Amino acid sequence: MALHIVLYQPEIARNTGNIMRTAVAVGAQLHLIKPLGFDLDDKNVRRSATYHIPLLDYHTHDSYDEFCEKNPGEYFYMTRHASQAPSSVDFAHYRDSEIFLIFGRESTGLPHELIAENESRSFRLPMTPGTKSLNVSNAVCVAAYEVLRQLDYPGLDTRDEEIDIHQRESFDDFSR
């Protein structure tokens, strides 16, 4: 199984930079479908992605059709127009497949015709009534970790070898 995060015509550099970090953290490939609302060399992308860009496996595509031609697999669409939560999708069923999570533009989401054609594979994050959407970088993180939770976090580690939390100084006595 390989997890892929797909951004359809992303518009905001900082969101894409944050998603780059998430892709590295979860071991996902990132796909960016043009046009992009920024240059990939934008300082906001680099700042948001921090040191993760050299570790990132990413691809750009000139169109959605080109992306589909080059990437066979199981496609799932995040949209506020869906009626099921990501936890309702049985991602474990696709354990041996390439899983693509597709997210739309920050301003308008995914094209309505794309959602209409893929309604059974569309999902949304449950929210309180009247809440329209979350920031796309937050939505990507939640959805990616839901897929990985269902698959028992393949290839991920719960330890951080570089930081030992028991060795850092305690701030319990700090009382200013």
N, C-alpha and C. Protein backbone atom coordinates (compact mmCIF):
# COMPACT_ATOMS: atom_id res chain seq x y z
N MET A 1 0.85 -1.18 0.00
CA MET A 1 0.00 0.00 0.00
C MET A 1 0.88 1.23 0.00
N ALA A 2 0.49 2.15 -0.81
CA ALA A 2 1.14 3.45 -0.78
C ALA A 2 0.05 4.51 -0.66
N LEU A 3 0.28 5.48 0.20
CA LEU A 3 -0.66 6.58 0.38
C LEU A 3 -0.18 7.76 -0.44
N HIS A 4 -1.13 8.38 -1.14
CA HIS A 4 -0.85 9.55 -1.96
C HIS A 4 -1.78 10.67 -1.53
N ILE A 5 -1.23 11.86 -1.39
CA ILE A 5 -2.01 13.06 -1.11
C ILE A 5 -2.01 13.88 -2.39
N VAL A 6 -3.19 14.26 -2.84
CA VAL A 6 -3.33 14.97 -4.11
C VAL A 6 -3.97 16.32 -3.85
N LEU A 7 -3.32 17.39 -4.27
CA LEU A 7 -3.87 18.74 -4.15
C LEU A 7 -4.25 19.22 -5.54
N TYR A 8 -5.55 19.44 -5.71
CA TYR A 8 -6.07 19.92 -6.98
C TYR A 8 -6.01 21.44 -7.01
N GLN A 9 -5.12 21.96 -7.81
CA GLN A 9 -4.94 23.40 -8.02
C GLN A 9 -4.84 24.19 -6.70
N PRO A 10 -3.89 23.82 -5.85
CA PRO A 10 -3.74 24.55 -4.58
C PRO A 10 -3.41 26.02 -4.81
N GLU A 11 -3.90 26.87 -3.92
CA GLU A 11 -3.77 28.32 -4.11
C GLU A 11 -2.86 29.00 -3.10
N ILE A 12 -2.67 28.39 -1.94
CA ILE A 12 -1.97 29.08 -0.85
C ILE A 12 -0.67 28.35 -0.52
N ALA A 13 0.43 29.05 -0.67
CA ALA A 13 1.77 28.47 -0.49
C ALA A 13 1.96 27.87 0.90
N ARG A 14 1.55 28.56 1.92
CA ARG A 14 1.76 28.06 3.29
C ARG A 14 1.00 26.77 3.55
N ASN A 15 -0.21 26.66 3.03
CA ASN A 15 -0.95 25.41 3.19
C ASN A 15 -0.21 24.26 2.53
N THR A 16 0.28 24.49 1.32
CA THR A 16 1.00 23.44 0.61
C THR A 16 2.28 23.08 1.35
N GLY A 17 2.98 24.06 1.90
CA GLY A 17 4.17 23.77 2.70
C GLY A 17 3.85 22.91 3.91
N ASN A 18 2.77 23.22 4.60
CA ASN A 18 2.35 22.39 5.75
C ASN A 18 2.01 20.98 5.30
N ILE A 19 1.34 20.86 4.17
CA ILE A 19 0.98 19.54 3.65
C ILE A 19 2.22 18.77 3.23
N MET A 20 3.24 19.47 2.75
CA MET A 20 4.52 18.80 2.43
C MET A 20 5.09 18.14 3.68
N ARG A 21 5.06 18.85 4.80
CA ARG A 21 5.55 18.27 6.06
C ARG A 21 4.74 17.06 6.44
N THR A 22 3.42 17.15 6.32
CA THR A 22 2.56 16.02 6.65
C THR A 22 2.88 14.83 5.75
N ALA A 23 3.05 15.07 4.46
CA ALA A 23 3.36 13.98 3.53
C ALA A 23 4.64 13.26 3.94
N VAL A 24 5.66 14.01 4.31
CA VAL A 24 6.91 13.39 4.76
C VAL A 24 6.66 12.60 6.05
N ALA A 25 5.93 13.18 6.99
CA ALA A 25 5.70 12.54 8.29
C ALA A 25 4.94 11.21 8.16
N VAL A 26 4.03 11.12 7.20
CA VAL A 26 3.24 9.90 7.07
C VAL A 26 3.75 8.99 5.95
N GLY A 27 4.81 9.39 5.26
CA GLY A 27 5.37 8.56 4.20
C GLY A 27 4.55 8.55 2.93
N ALA A 28 3.83 9.63 2.67
CA ALA A 28 2.97 9.70 1.49
C ALA A 28 3.66 10.44 0.35
N GLN A 29 3.30 10.08 -0.87
CA GLN A 29 3.71 10.86 -2.02
C GLN A 29 2.73 12.02 -2.16
N LEU A 30 3.24 13.16 -2.58
CA LEU A 30 2.40 14.33 -2.79
C LEU A 30 2.30 14.62 -4.28
N HIS A 31 1.07 14.86 -4.74
CA HIS A 31 0.82 15.21 -6.13
C HIS A 31 0.18 16.59 -6.17
N LEU A 32 0.73 17.48 -6.99
CA LEU A 32 0.20 18.83 -7.15
C LEU A 32 -0.31 18.98 -8.57
N ILE A 33 -1.61 19.25 -8.71
CA ILE A 33 -2.22 19.40 -10.03
C ILE A 33 -2.30 20.89 -10.35
N LYS A 34 -1.70 21.27 -11.46
CA LYS A 34 -1.64 22.67 -11.89
C LYS A 34 -2.98 23.13 -12.44
N PRO A 35 -3.20 24.45 -12.46
CA PRO A 35 -2.25 25.50 -12.09
C PRO A 35 -2.15 25.66 -10.58
N LEU A 36 -0.96 26.04 -10.14
CA LEU A 36 -0.71 26.34 -8.74
C LEU A 36 -0.88 27.84 -8.55
N GLY A 37 -1.33 28.25 -7.38
CA GLY A 37 -1.51 29.67 -7.09
C GLY A 37 -0.25 30.34 -6.59
N PHE A 38 0.90 29.70 -6.76
CA PHE A 38 2.17 30.18 -6.24
C PHE A 38 3.28 29.45 -6.97
N ASP A 39 4.50 29.91 -6.80
CA ASP A 39 5.68 29.26 -7.35
C ASP A 39 6.22 28.31 -6.27
N LEU A 40 6.62 27.12 -6.65
CA LEU A 40 7.14 26.17 -5.67
C LEU A 40 8.41 26.67 -4.98
N ASP A 41 9.07 27.65 -5.54
CA ASP A 41 10.23 28.25 -4.90
C ASP A 41 9.86 29.37 -3.95
N ASP A 42 8.58 29.64 -3.80
CA ASP A 42 8.09 30.70 -2.92
C ASP A 42 8.64 30.51 -1.50
N LYS A 43 9.08 31.59 -0.89
CA LYS A 43 9.64 31.49 0.47
C LYS A 43 8.62 30.98 1.47
N ASN A 44 7.33 31.24 1.24
CA ASN A 44 6.30 30.74 2.15
C ASN A 44 6.17 29.22 2.10
N VAL A 45 6.37 28.64 0.93
CA VAL A 45 6.37 27.17 0.82
C VAL A 45 7.55 26.63 1.60
N ARG A 46 8.74 27.19 1.33
CA ARG A 46 9.95 26.71 2.01
C ARG A 46 9.86 26.88 3.51
N ARG A 47 9.33 28.02 3.97
CA ARG A 47 9.23 28.28 5.41
C ARG A 47 8.26 27.29 6.06
N SER A 48 7.12 27.04 5.44
CA SER A 48 6.13 26.14 6.01
C SER A 48 6.58 24.69 5.99
N ALA A 49 7.31 24.31 4.95
CA ALA A 49 7.77 22.93 4.83
C ALA A 49 9.01 22.67 5.67
N THR A 50 9.62 23.72 6.20
CA THR A 50 10.87 23.67 6.97
C THR A 50 11.91 22.84 6.23
N TYR A 51 12.55 21.94 6.92
CA TYR A 51 13.63 21.16 6.32
C TYR A 51 13.12 19.91 5.60
N HIS A 52 11.82 19.75 5.43
CA HIS A 52 11.25 18.52 4.89
C HIS A 52 11.30 18.40 3.36
N ILE A 53 11.46 19.51 2.63
CA ILE A 53 11.39 19.45 1.17
C ILE A 53 12.37 18.44 0.56
N PRO A 54 13.64 18.37 1.02
CA PRO A 54 14.54 17.37 0.42
C PRO A 54 14.09 15.92 0.68
N LEU A 55 13.27 15.71 1.70
CA LEU A 55 12.78 14.37 2.03
C LEU A 55 11.49 14.02 1.31
N LEU A 56 10.90 14.98 0.63
CA LEU A 56 9.57 14.84 0.04
C LEU A 56 9.61 14.15 -1.31
N ASP A 57 8.70 13.21 -1.50
CA ASP A 57 8.48 12.57 -2.80
C ASP A 57 7.26 13.25 -3.40
N TYR A 58 7.48 14.18 -4.33
CA TYR A 58 6.34 14.90 -4.90
C TYR A 58 6.42 14.97 -6.42
N HIS A 59 5.24 15.15 -7.02
CA HIS A 59 5.11 15.20 -8.46
C HIS A 59 4.14 16.31 -8.82
N THR A 60 4.40 17.00 -9.92
CA THR A 60 3.45 17.99 -10.42
C THR A 60 2.84 17.44 -11.70
N HIS A 61 1.59 17.81 -11.94
CA HIS A 61 0.84 17.35 -13.11
C HIS A 61 0.18 18.56 -13.75
N ASP A 62 0.19 18.61 -15.08
CA ASP A 62 -0.38 19.75 -15.79
C ASP A 62 -1.90 19.79 -15.73
N SER A 63 -2.55 18.65 -15.50
CA SER A 63 -4.01 18.61 -15.44
C SER A 63 -4.46 17.40 -14.63
N TYR A 64 -5.74 17.39 -14.28
CA TYR A 64 -6.32 16.25 -13.57
C TYR A 64 -6.29 15.02 -14.48
N ASP A 65 -6.59 15.20 -15.75
CA ASP A 65 -6.57 14.07 -16.69
C ASP A 65 -5.18 13.45 -16.78
N GLU A 66 -4.15 14.30 -16.84
CA GLU A 66 -2.78 13.77 -16.88
C GLU A 66 -2.46 13.00 -15.60
N PHE A 67 -2.87 13.56 -14.48
CA PHE A 67 -2.65 12.89 -13.20
C PHE A 67 -3.28 11.49 -13.23
N CYS A 68 -4.54 11.40 -13.66
CA CYS A 68 -5.24 10.11 -13.69
C CYS A 68 -4.57 9.11 -14.63
N GLU A 69 -4.11 9.58 -15.78
CA GLU A 69 -3.43 8.70 -16.74
C GLU A 69 -2.17 8.07 -16.16
N LYS A 70 -1.46 8.83 -15.35
CA LYS A 70 -0.16 8.38 -14.82
C LYS A 70 -0.27 7.65 -13.48
N ASN A 71 -1.45 7.67 -12.85
CA ASN A 71 -1.54 7.17 -11.48
C ASN A 71 -2.76 6.27 -11.27
N PRO A 72 -2.64 5.00 -11.65
CA PRO A 72 -3.75 4.09 -11.38
C PRO A 72 -3.85 3.80 -9.88
N GLY A 73 -5.05 3.64 -9.40
CA GLY A 73 -5.24 3.33 -8.00
C GLY A 73 -6.65 3.62 -7.55
N GLU A 74 -6.83 3.68 -6.25
CA GLU A 74 -8.13 3.91 -5.63
C GLU A 74 -8.21 5.38 -5.22
N TYR A 75 -9.15 6.11 -5.80
CA TYR A 75 -9.28 7.55 -5.57
C TYR A 75 -10.41 7.83 -4.58
N PHE A 76 -10.13 8.72 -3.63
CA PHE A 76 -11.12 9.18 -2.65
C PHE A 76 -11.05 10.70 -2.59
N TYR A 77 -12.21 11.34 -2.45
CA TYR A 77 -12.33 12.78 -2.60
C TYR A 77 -12.84 13.43 -1.32
N MET A 78 -12.12 14.41 -0.82
CA MET A 78 -12.55 15.18 0.35
C MET A 78 -13.35 16.37 -0.14
N THR A 79 -14.60 16.49 0.34
CA THR A 79 -15.44 17.60 -0.05
C THR A 79 -16.47 17.88 1.03
N ARG A 80 -16.82 19.14 1.20
CA ARG A 80 -17.86 19.48 2.17
C ARG A 80 -19.23 19.04 1.71
N HIS A 81 -19.36 18.63 0.43
CA HIS A 81 -20.64 18.21 -0.13
C HIS A 81 -20.93 16.73 0.08
N ALA A 82 -20.00 15.99 0.66
CA ALA A 82 -20.21 14.55 0.91
C ALA A 82 -21.02 14.35 2.19
N SER A 83 -21.50 13.14 2.36
CA SER A 83 -22.32 12.86 3.55
C SER A 83 -21.69 11.81 4.46
N GLN A 84 -20.56 11.22 4.07
CA GLN A 84 -19.94 10.23 4.94
C GLN A 84 -18.59 10.72 5.47
N ALA A 85 -18.27 10.27 6.67
CA ALA A 85 -16.99 10.60 7.30
C ALA A 85 -15.91 9.66 6.78
N PRO A 86 -14.64 10.04 6.88
CA PRO A 86 -13.58 9.14 6.42
C PRO A 86 -13.55 7.83 7.20
N SER A 87 -14.02 7.84 8.42
CA SER A 87 -14.07 6.60 9.20
C SER A 87 -15.11 5.63 8.66
N SER A 88 -16.03 6.11 7.81
CA SER A 88 -17.03 5.24 7.18
C SER A 88 -16.48 4.49 5.98
N VAL A 89 -15.37 4.93 5.46
CA VAL A 89 -14.75 4.28 4.31
C VAL A 89 -13.84 3.16 4.84
N ASP A 90 -13.95 1.99 4.25
CA ASP A 90 -13.13 0.85 4.68
C ASP A 90 -11.81 0.87 3.89
N PHE A 91 -10.89 1.71 4.35
CA PHE A 91 -9.60 1.82 3.67
C PHE A 91 -8.79 0.53 3.79
N ALA A 92 -9.03 -0.26 4.84
CA ALA A 92 -8.31 -1.52 5.01
C ALA A 92 -8.60 -2.46 3.84
N HIS A 93 -9.76 -2.33 3.22
CA HIS A 93 -10.11 -3.14 2.06
C HIS A 93 -9.14 -2.88 0.90
N TYR A 94 -8.53 -1.70 0.88
CA TYR A 94 -7.62 -1.31 -0.20
C TYR A 94 -6.16 -1.41 0.22
N ARG A 95 -5.90 -2.22 1.22
CA ARG A 95 -4.56 -2.37 1.80
C ARG A 95 -3.48 -2.62 0.75
N ASP A 96 -3.79 -3.37 -0.28
CA ASP A 96 -2.79 -3.73 -1.30
C ASP A 96 -2.82 -2.80 -2.51
N SER A 97 -3.52 -1.69 -2.39
CA SER A 97 -3.69 -0.76 -3.51
C SER A 97 -2.98 0.56 -3.24
N GLU A 98 -2.83 1.32 -4.31
CA GLU A 98 -2.39 2.70 -4.18
C GLU A 98 -3.62 3.51 -3.78
N ILE A 99 -3.56 4.21 -2.66
CA ILE A 99 -4.69 4.99 -2.17
C ILE A 99 -4.38 6.47 -2.38
N PHE A 100 -5.27 7.16 -3.09
CA PHE A 100 -5.12 8.57 -3.40
C PHE A 100 -6.21 9.37 -2.68
N LEU A 101 -5.82 10.29 -1.82
CA LEU A 101 -6.74 11.21 -1.16
C LEU A 101 -6.66 12.53 -1.90
N ILE A 102 -7.77 12.97 -2.47
CA ILE A 102 -7.77 14.14 -3.35
C ILE A 102 -8.51 15.29 -2.68
N PHE A 103 -7.84 16.44 -2.62
CA PHE A 103 -8.34 17.64 -1.95
C PHE A 103 -8.40 18.78 -2.96
N GLY A 104 -9.40 19.64 -2.82
CA GLY A 104 -9.62 20.72 -3.77
C GLY A 104 -8.97 22.03 -3.39
N ARG A 105 -9.23 23.03 -4.22
CA ARG A 105 -8.73 24.39 -3.98
C ARG A 105 -9.25 24.92 -2.65
N GLU A 106 -8.46 25.79 -2.06
CA GLU A 106 -8.88 26.41 -0.81
C GLU A 106 -10.15 27.24 -0.99
N SER A 107 -10.30 27.89 -2.14
CA SER A 107 -11.45 28.80 -2.33
C SER A 107 -12.72 28.10 -2.80
N THR A 108 -12.59 27.09 -3.64
CA THR A 108 -13.79 26.50 -4.25
C THR A 108 -13.88 24.99 -4.12
N GLY A 109 -12.88 24.35 -3.57
CA GLY A 109 -12.91 22.90 -3.44
C GLY A 109 -12.69 22.20 -4.77
N LEU A 110 -13.22 20.99 -4.86
CA LEU A 110 -13.12 20.20 -6.09
C LEU A 110 -14.27 20.55 -7.02
N PRO A 111 -14.07 20.37 -8.33
CA PRO A 111 -15.17 20.62 -9.26
C PRO A 111 -16.40 19.77 -8.92
N HIS A 112 -17.58 20.38 -9.01
CA HIS A 112 -18.82 19.68 -8.64
C HIS A 112 -19.05 18.45 -9.50
N GLU A 113 -18.70 18.52 -10.79
CA GLU A 113 -18.92 17.36 -11.65
C GLU A 113 -18.03 16.18 -11.23
N LEU A 114 -16.83 16.46 -10.73
CA LEU A 114 -15.95 15.40 -10.25
C LEU A 114 -16.55 14.73 -9.03
N ILE A 115 -17.11 15.50 -8.13
CA ILE A 115 -17.76 14.94 -6.94
C ILE A 115 -19.00 14.15 -7.33
N ALA A 116 -19.80 14.69 -8.25
CA ALA A 116 -21.03 14.00 -8.69
C ALA A 116 -20.70 12.63 -9.29
N GLU A 117 -19.61 12.55 -10.04
CA GLU A 117 -19.20 11.28 -10.67
C GLU A 117 -18.63 10.29 -9.66
N ASN A 118 -18.23 10.78 -8.49
CA ASN A 118 -17.54 9.94 -7.50
C ASN A 118 -18.17 10.06 -6.11
N GLU A 119 -19.47 10.20 -6.07
CA GLU A 119 -20.16 10.42 -4.79
C GLU A 119 -19.89 9.32 -3.77
N SER A 120 -19.85 8.07 -4.19
CA SER A 120 -19.64 6.98 -3.25
C SER A 120 -18.22 6.95 -2.69
N ARG A 121 -17.31 7.66 -3.33
CA ARG A 121 -15.92 7.71 -2.87
C ARG A 121 -15.56 9.09 -2.33
N SER A 122 -16.59 9.85 -1.98
CA SER A 122 -16.37 11.18 -1.42
C SER A 122 -16.67 11.16 0.07
N PHE A 123 -15.91 11.95 0.82
CA PHE A 123 -16.14 12.02 2.26
C PHE A 123 -15.88 13.43 2.76
N ARG A 124 -16.33 13.69 3.97
CA ARG A 124 -16.13 14.99 4.61
C ARG A 124 -15.81 14.75 6.08
N LEU A 125 -15.20 15.74 6.70
CA LEU A 125 -14.97 15.67 8.13
C LEU A 125 -16.22 16.19 8.84
N PRO A 126 -16.75 15.43 9.78
CA PRO A 126 -17.92 15.91 10.52
C PRO A 126 -17.57 17.18 11.31
N MET A 127 -18.49 18.13 11.31
CA MET A 127 -18.29 19.41 12.01
C MET A 127 -19.61 19.86 12.62
N THR A 128 -19.52 20.83 13.48
CA THR A 128 -20.74 21.39 14.07
C THR A 128 -21.56 22.08 12.98
N PRO A 129 -22.88 22.13 13.16
CA PRO A 129 -23.73 22.80 12.17
C PRO A 129 -23.27 24.24 11.92
N GLY A 130 -23.30 24.63 10.67
CA GLY A 130 -22.91 25.98 10.30
C GLY A 130 -21.44 26.15 9.99
N THR A 131 -20.63 25.15 10.30
CA THR A 131 -19.20 25.21 9.98
C THR A 131 -19.02 24.69 8.56
N LYS A 132 -18.44 25.50 7.71
CA LYS A 132 -18.33 25.15 6.29
C LYS A 132 -17.15 24.23 6.01
N SER A 133 -15.99 24.55 6.58
CA SER A 133 -14.81 23.75 6.26
C SER A 133 -13.69 24.03 7.25
N LEU A 134 -12.68 23.18 7.20
CA LEU A 134 -11.43 23.37 7.93
C LEU A 134 -10.36 23.82 6.95
N ASN A 135 -9.27 24.33 7.47
CA ASN A 135 -8.11 24.61 6.63
C ASN A 135 -7.69 23.31 5.95
N VAL A 136 -7.35 23.39 4.67
CA VAL A 136 -7.03 22.19 3.91
C VAL A 136 -5.85 21.43 4.51
N SER A 137 -4.87 22.11 5.07
CA SER A 137 -3.74 21.37 5.64
C SER A 137 -4.17 20.56 6.86
N ASN A 138 -5.13 21.08 7.64
CA ASN A 138 -5.66 20.30 8.76
C ASN A 138 -6.47 19.11 8.26
N ALA A 139 -7.29 19.34 7.23
CA ALA A 139 -8.11 18.27 6.67
C ALA A 139 -7.24 17.14 6.10
N VAL A 140 -6.17 17.50 5.42
CA VAL A 140 -5.25 16.50 4.88
C VAL A 140 -4.68 15.64 6.00
N CYS A 141 -4.26 16.29 7.06
CA CYS A 141 -3.66 15.57 8.19
C CYS A 141 -4.66 14.58 8.81
N VAL A 142 -5.87 15.05 9.07
CA VAL A 142 -6.89 14.19 9.67
C VAL A 142 -7.20 13.00 8.76
N ALA A 143 -7.41 13.25 7.48
CA ALA A 143 -7.76 12.18 6.55
C ALA A 143 -6.61 11.18 6.38
N ALA A 144 -5.40 11.67 6.25
CA ALA A 144 -4.25 10.77 6.07
C ALA A 144 -4.09 9.87 7.29
N TYR A 145 -4.21 10.43 8.47
CA TYR A 145 -4.06 9.61 9.67
C TYR A 145 -5.23 8.65 9.85
N GLU A 146 -6.41 8.97 9.36
CA GLU A 146 -7.52 8.01 9.42
C GLU A 146 -7.23 6.80 8.54
N VAL A 147 -6.72 7.03 7.33
CA VAL A 147 -6.34 5.92 6.46
C VAL A 147 -5.28 5.07 7.16
N LEU A 148 -4.27 5.71 7.68
CA LEU A 148 -3.17 4.97 8.31
C LEU A 148 -3.61 4.27 9.59
N ARG A 149 -4.54 4.86 10.34
CA ARG A 149 -5.08 4.20 11.54
C ARG A 149 -5.75 2.89 11.15
N GLN A 150 -6.56 2.94 10.10
CA GLN A 150 -7.25 1.72 9.67
C GLN A 150 -6.28 0.65 9.18
N LEU A 151 -5.12 1.06 8.73
CA LEU A 151 -4.11 0.12 8.24
C LEU A 151 -3.06 -0.21 9.29
N ASP A 152 -3.28 0.24 10.53
CA ASP A 152 -2.37 0.03 11.66
C ASP A 152 -1.02 0.72 11.47
N TYR A 153 -1.05 1.92 10.90
CA TYR A 153 0.12 2.80 10.76
C TYR A 153 1.34 2.11 10.14
N PRO A 154 1.19 1.58 8.93
CA PRO A 154 2.33 0.87 8.31
C PRO A 154 3.53 1.79 8.08
N GLY A 155 4.69 1.32 8.53
CA GLY A 155 5.93 2.06 8.31
C GLY A 155 6.15 3.25 9.22
N LEU A 156 5.21 3.51 10.12
CA LEU A 156 5.36 4.65 11.02
C LEU A 156 5.81 4.19 12.39
N ASP A 157 6.51 5.05 13.08
CA ASP A 157 7.07 4.74 14.40
C ASP A 157 6.47 5.68 15.43
N THR A 158 6.24 5.18 16.62
CA THR A 158 5.70 6.02 17.69
C THR A 158 6.80 6.63 18.55
N ARG A 159 8.04 6.36 18.22
CA ARG A 159 9.16 6.91 18.98
C ARG A 159 9.91 7.94 18.16
N ASP A 160 10.50 8.88 18.82
CA ASP A 160 11.36 9.86 18.15
C ASP A 160 12.77 9.62 18.68
N GLU A 161 13.60 9.06 17.84
CA GLU A 161 14.96 8.70 18.24
C GLU A 161 15.81 9.91 18.62
N GLU A 162 15.50 11.07 18.05
CA GLU A 162 16.34 12.24 18.29
C GLU A 162 16.03 12.95 19.60
N ILE A 163 14.82 12.79 20.11
CA ILE A 163 14.41 13.52 21.31
C ILE A 163 13.99 12.53 22.38
N ASP A 164 14.65 12.60 23.51
CA ASP A 164 14.26 11.78 24.65
C ASP A 164 13.57 12.70 25.64
N ILE A 165 12.25 12.57 25.77
CA ILE A 165 11.50 13.50 26.62
C ILE A 165 11.88 13.38 28.09
N HIS A 166 12.50 12.27 28.47
CA HIS A 166 12.89 12.10 29.87
C HIS A 166 14.20 12.81 30.18
N GLN A 167 14.94 13.23 29.17
CA GLN A 167 16.22 13.89 29.37
C GLN A 167 16.12 15.41 29.38
N ARG A 168 15.01 15.97 28.91
CA ARG A 168 14.92 17.43 28.87
C ARG A 168 14.62 17.99 30.25
N GLU A 169 14.95 19.25 30.42
CA GLU A 169 14.75 19.89 31.71
C GLU A 169 13.26 20.01 32.02
N SER A 170 12.94 19.90 33.28
CA SER A 170 11.55 20.05 33.70
C SER A 170 11.23 21.52 33.93
N PHE A 171 10.06 21.93 33.54
CA PHE A 171 9.61 23.29 33.76
C PHE A 171 8.60 23.34 34.90
N ASP A 172 8.46 22.26 35.63
CA ASP A 172 7.49 22.22 36.73
C ASP A 172 7.78 23.24 37.81
N ASP A 173 9.05 23.57 38.02
CA ASP A 173 9.42 24.49 39.08
C ASP A 173 9.44 25.94 38.62
N PHE A 174 9.13 26.19 37.38
CA PHE A 174 9.14 27.55 36.85
C PHE A 174 7.89 28.26 37.33
N SER A 175 8.06 29.28 38.19
CA SER A 175 6.89 29.89 38.81
C SER A 175 6.92 31.40 38.76
N ARG A 176 7.22 32.02 37.68
CA ARG A 176 7.20 33.47 37.57
C ARG A 176 5.84 33.97 37.24
